[in-house]
Amino acid sequence: MEERVQDVRAGSRGHLDDLEQRRSRVDIFVCHWLYSSLILLLV
């Protein structure tokens, strides 16, 4: 029983790591897009 609980925690932790990586990738994309549109507006 204890081992199964630890496995579930490890699995959810891995899932959270995937979400964090995906979120940071989206943040980078959004920042890049905003930066590009700002440059286009300034030019």
Protein backbone atom coordinates (compact mmCIF):
# COMPACT_ATOMS: atom_id res chain seq x y z
CA MET A 1 0.00 0.00 0.00
CA GLU A 2 2.75 2.48 0.95
CA GLU A 3 4.71 1.78 -2.24
CA ARG A 4 1.65 2.36 -4.40
CA VAL A 5 1.06 5.77 -2.78
CA GLN A 6 4.69 6.73 -3.46
CA ASP A 7 4.34 5.61 -7.10
CA VAL A 8 1.23 7.78 -7.51
CA ARG A 9 3.07 10.77 -6.02
CA ALA A 10 6.04 10.23 -8.31
CA GLY A 11 3.71 9.96 -11.32
CA SER A 12 1.85 13.16 -10.46
CA ARG A 13 5.17 14.93 -9.85
CA GLY A 14 6.37 13.89 -13.32
CA HIS A 15 3.10 15.13 -14.81
CA LEU A 16 3.54 18.48 -13.03
CA ASP A 17 7.08 18.77 -14.42
CA ASP A 18 5.70 18.25 -17.95
CA LEU A 19 3.11 20.98 -17.35
CA GLU A 20 5.79 23.37 -16.05
CA GLN A 21 7.98 22.77 -19.12
CA ARG A 22 5.03 23.29 -21.46
CA ARG A 23 4.00 26.47 -19.60
CA SER A 24 7.53 27.92 -19.76
CA ARG A 25 7.64 27.14 -23.50
CA VAL A 26 4.33 28.99 -23.98
CA ASP A 27 5.64 31.93 -21.91
CA ILE A 28 8.75 32.14 -24.11
CA PHE A 29 6.57 32.07 -27.25
CA VAL A 30 4.25 34.80 -25.90
CA CYS A 31 7.18 37.01 -24.85
CA HIS A 32 8.80 36.53 -28.28
CA TRP A 33 5.52 37.41 -30.03
CA LEU A 34 4.99 40.54 -27.88
CA TYR A 35 8.58 41.62 -28.49
CA SER A 36 8.19 41.16 -32.26
CA SER A 37 4.91 43.10 -32.38
CA LEU A 38 6.48 45.92 -30.31
CA ILE A 39 9.37 46.18 -32.78
CA LEU A 40 6.89 46.24 -35.69
CA LEU A 41 4.93 49.04 -33.99
CA LEU A 42 8.09 51.08 -33.33
CA VAL A 43 9.47 50.74 -36.87
